Every structure is written in structure tokens, then in C-alpha cells.
């Protein structure tokens, strides 16, 4: 029992040193914030909330929501049985639909669009309605398969008049 006493004392001293270092880091950050009068924000705090509309029974939609959360987005989910009304309201072009629709930062996101494409959209802020990934391409976020196969797919930017152009490519023929 006496042989453990030096180990216990060392652990207590080490935890005290870690606490002091942590306290000093917090105090330094607070002082920096006070001196610049600017809030210290994390990357996730800088991202706007994504509002996802989906069918309550759709598993791939829930996986896509998890993909967004893993990428640092805060996500609000609304289950609905009238996805057509949501798509019509936000302006998803005919033939460009998928299983879920989201709104973020004044744009709509249709389908299994990768989070990195959404972040790029929010950073560049093009004059557009949103992004679409028609259908449900194998290997896109939420549509992953155990084999890791990714079917090539193109995410499109929807302009104000409803026309689309390539925004990004993914899969073996893409990035």
C-alpha cells in the first residue's frame, strides 16, 4: 500500500498542473476576447442551421442529416408527408428532385449533396436558388454502401431562373 503513495501524489500534482494550465488558457482566451471585443467563435458556430424536410420513414435521409452534423452543421429536422409542397415552395426544378429538401443560409439543398459543397456555396454566396443532386446516387452522403463504391455524380447549382449548371463532380470520374 505504501508503494502506491508516490504514484497517487504524482497523479494529484499532475492533475493540479493540468487544471492550472486549463484555467490559464481560459483566462487568456477571455482576455483576448475582451481586448478585441470580438466573440471567439468555433467553426460550427459560424455555420448557419440547416432545416431538413424529410419523410419520417426515410433511413437515407437520416443518414444524410448525420453527415451534416458530423461536418459541423446544426440541423433541424421536420418530418412531412407532403414533400412536393416543400420542393415547389423553395423552387426545386422539375426532374431534379430527390428524397429530402433542406434550407440553409437563403438557399435550398435538394438530395444527398455533400457537406463540403454546401460549405462552398455558403462561402462563395453565388446569385442562385440552391444546389441539387437529383436521384439517390450510390455512395453519395447517406447512400454509402459497405463496398465503398461511389457512383459518379454531379451536384448542380440552380440559378435564379431555374436553370442549372455543374457545381461539383464526385465519384470515380469526379473528385
Protein backbone atom coordinates (compact mmCIF):
# COMPACT_ATOMS: atom_id res chain seq x y z
CA UNK A 1 0.00 0.00 0.00
CA UNK A 2 2.89 2.39 0.78
CA UNK A 3 4.37 1.76 -2.69
CA UNK A 4 1.31 3.40 -4.29
CA UNK A 5 1.59 6.62 -2.26
CA UNK A 6 4.24 8.24 -4.56
CA UNK A 7 2.10 7.37 -7.60
CA UNK A 8 -1.02 8.88 -6.02
CA UNK A 9 0.89 12.03 -5.06
CA UNK A 10 2.29 12.31 -8.60
CA UNK A 11 -1.21 11.95 -10.09
CA UNK A 12 -2.60 14.63 -7.76
CA UNK A 13 0.22 17.02 -8.67
CA UNK A 14 -0.18 16.31 -12.38
CA UNK A 15 -3.95 16.90 -12.30
CA UNK A 16 -3.37 20.16 -10.42
CA UNK A 17 -0.90 21.28 -13.10
CA UNK A 18 -3.37 20.39 -15.86
CA UNK A 19 -6.14 22.31 -14.07
CA UNK A 20 -3.88 25.35 -13.74
CA UNK A 21 -2.92 25.18 -17.42
CA UNK A 22 -6.57 24.84 -18.46
CA UNK A 23 -7.57 27.77 -16.23
CA UNK A 24 -4.75 29.88 -17.68
CA UNK A 25 -5.86 29.03 -21.26
CA UNK A 26 -9.44 30.03 -20.48
CA UNK A 27 -8.27 33.27 -18.84
CA UNK A 28 -6.01 34.07 -21.83
CA UNK A 29 -8.87 33.47 -24.28
CA UNK A 30 -11.19 35.67 -22.20
CA UNK A 31 -8.57 38.43 -22.08
CA UNK A 32 -8.10 38.23 -25.86
CA UNK A 33 -11.85 38.41 -26.39
CA UNK A 34 -12.16 41.39 -24.07
CA UNK A 35 -9.25 43.24 -25.70
CA UNK A 36 -10.58 42.81 -29.25
CA UNK A 37 -14.25 42.98 -28.22
CA UNK A 38 -14.88 40.15 -30.70
CA UNK A 39 -16.51 36.84 -29.76
CA UNK A 40 -14.41 33.71 -30.01
CA UNK A 41 -16.37 31.52 -32.41
CA UNK A 42 -15.91 27.91 -33.35
CA UNK A 43 -16.21 26.77 -36.96
CA UNK A 44 -19.56 25.14 -36.19
CA UNK A 45 -20.90 28.35 -34.67
CA UNK A 46 -20.10 30.15 -37.93
CA UNK A 47 -22.24 27.72 -39.95
CA UNK A 48 -25.94 28.52 -40.26
CA UNK A 49 -28.55 25.99 -39.18
CA UNK A 50 -29.76 23.59 -41.86
CA UNK A 51 -33.51 22.90 -41.85
CA UNK A 52 -34.18 19.49 -43.41
CA UNK A 53 -37.61 18.35 -44.60
CA UNK A 54 -37.96 14.59 -45.00
CA UNK A 55 -40.31 11.64 -44.73
CA UNK A 56 -40.30 10.18 -41.21
CA UNK A 57 -39.65 6.68 -42.56
CA UNK A 58 -36.66 7.52 -44.76
CA UNK A 59 -33.45 5.99 -43.43
CA UNK A 60 -31.11 7.51 -46.02
CA UNK A 61 -32.41 10.99 -45.15
CA UNK A 62 -31.48 10.41 -41.51
CA UNK A 63 -28.01 9.27 -42.59
CA UNK A 64 -27.59 12.48 -44.61
CA UNK A 65 -28.62 14.51 -41.55
CA UNK A 66 -25.89 12.69 -39.59
CA UNK A 67 -23.40 13.55 -42.37
CA UNK A 68 -24.26 17.24 -41.97
CA UNK A 69 -23.94 17.09 -38.19
CA UNK A 70 -20.57 15.32 -38.49
CA UNK A 71 -19.46 18.19 -40.77
CA UNK A 72 -20.29 20.74 -38.06
CA UNK A 73 -23.76 21.87 -39.06
CA UNK A 74 -26.58 22.28 -36.55
CA UNK A 75 -29.59 20.57 -38.12
CA UNK A 76 -33.32 20.98 -37.52
CA UNK A 77 -35.47 18.18 -38.95
CA UNK A 78 -39.13 18.42 -39.95
CA UNK A 79 -40.87 15.20 -40.94
CA UNK A 80 -43.59 15.73 -43.54
CA UNK A 81 -45.71 13.63 -45.87
CA UNK A 82 -46.04 16.46 -48.42
CA UNK A 83 -42.53 16.77 -49.83
CA UNK A 84 -43.95 18.00 -53.15
CA UNK A 85 -45.23 21.17 -51.49
CA UNK A 86 -41.83 21.82 -49.90
CA UNK A 87 -40.00 21.32 -53.21
CA UNK A 88 -42.46 23.61 -55.01
CA UNK A 89 -42.18 26.33 -52.34
CA UNK A 90 -38.36 26.51 -52.47
CA UNK A 91 -38.14 26.19 -56.28
CA UNK A 92 -36.62 22.77 -56.97
CA UNK A 93 -36.73 22.42 -60.79
CA UNK A 94 -38.87 19.67 -62.29
CA UNK A 95 -36.89 16.45 -62.71
CA UNK A 96 -34.17 17.48 -60.23
CA UNK A 97 -35.81 16.08 -57.10
CA UNK A 98 -34.60 13.62 -54.52
CA UNK A 99 -35.93 12.27 -51.25
CA UNK A 100 -35.29 15.26 -48.96
CA UNK A 101 -35.06 19.04 -49.20
CA UNK A 102 -33.21 21.44 -46.93
CA UNK A 103 -32.88 25.18 -46.47
CA UNK A 104 -29.72 26.91 -45.29
CA UNK A 105 -28.47 30.47 -45.49
CA UNK A 106 -31.12 31.55 -48.01
CA UNK A 107 -30.53 28.58 -50.32
CA UNK A 108 -32.24 25.23 -50.82
CA UNK A 109 -30.35 21.93 -50.89
CA UNK A 110 -32.03 19.05 -52.70
CA UNK A 111 -30.88 15.50 -52.16
CA UNK A 112 -27.67 13.89 -50.94
CA UNK A 113 -25.39 16.90 -51.54
CA UNK A 114 -22.04 16.57 -49.72
CA UNK A 115 -21.49 18.97 -46.81
CA UNK A 116 -18.32 20.33 -48.46
CA UNK A 117 -20.41 21.54 -51.42
CA UNK A 118 -22.83 23.28 -49.06
CA UNK A 119 -19.94 24.95 -47.22
CA UNK A 120 -18.51 26.15 -50.54
CA UNK A 121 -21.94 27.53 -51.53
CA UNK A 122 -22.20 29.42 -48.25
CA UNK A 123 -18.65 30.77 -48.56
CA UNK A 124 -18.99 31.91 -52.19
CA UNK A 125 -22.64 33.08 -51.96
CA UNK A 126 -23.43 32.94 -55.71
CA UNK A 127 -26.65 34.51 -57.01
CA UNK A 128 -28.63 31.26 -57.07
CA UNK A 129 -31.54 29.39 -55.52
CA UNK A 130 -29.57 26.37 -54.32
CA UNK A 131 -27.94 23.05 -55.05
CA UNK A 132 -29.48 19.84 -56.39
CA UNK A 133 -28.31 16.27 -56.56
CA UNK A 134 -31.09 14.50 -58.47
CA UNK A 135 -31.94 10.94 -57.56
CA UNK A 136 -30.06 8.95 -54.96
CA UNK A 137 -26.57 8.16 -56.31
CA UNK A 138 -24.85 5.18 -54.75
CA UNK A 139 -22.03 6.31 -52.46
CA UNK A 140 -23.25 9.89 -52.00
CA UNK A 141 -23.61 11.02 -48.34
CA UNK A 142 -26.36 8.92 -46.78
CA UNK A 143 -26.25 6.42 -49.65
CA UNK A 144 -22.94 4.77 -48.76
CA UNK A 145 -22.55 1.03 -49.25
CA UNK A 146 -20.23 -1.40 -47.42
CA UNK A 147 -18.12 -1.95 -50.54
CA UNK A 148 -17.27 1.77 -50.65
CA UNK A 149 -18.35 2.06 -54.29
CA UNK A 150 -19.24 5.61 -55.34
CA UNK A 151 -21.27 6.03 -58.49
CA UNK A 152 -20.06 9.19 -60.31
CA UNK A 153 -22.47 12.07 -59.71
CA UNK A 154 -22.78 15.78 -60.38
CA UNK A 155 -24.10 18.38 -57.95
CA UNK A 156 -25.75 21.24 -59.84
CA UNK A 157 -26.21 24.92 -58.96
CA UNK A 158 -29.74 26.19 -59.62
CA UNK A 159 -29.80 29.76 -60.93
CA UNK A 160 -32.46 32.33 -60.18
CA UNK A 161 -34.36 31.43 -63.35
CA UNK A 162 -34.29 27.69 -62.56
CA UNK A 163 -31.53 26.73 -64.99
CA UNK A 164 -28.74 24.51 -63.70
CA UNK A 165 -25.02 24.21 -64.22
CA UNK A 166 -22.36 21.90 -62.78
CA UNK A 167 -21.22 22.85 -59.28
CA UNK A 168 -19.09 19.80 -58.47
CA UNK A 169 -18.36 16.21 -59.55
CA UNK A 170 -17.86 13.25 -57.25
CA UNK A 171 -17.03 9.59 -57.66
CA UNK A 172 -14.53 7.80 -59.86
CA UNK A 173 -14.97 10.20 -62.78
CA UNK A 174 -15.06 13.23 -60.46
CA UNK A 175 -13.01 14.33 -57.49
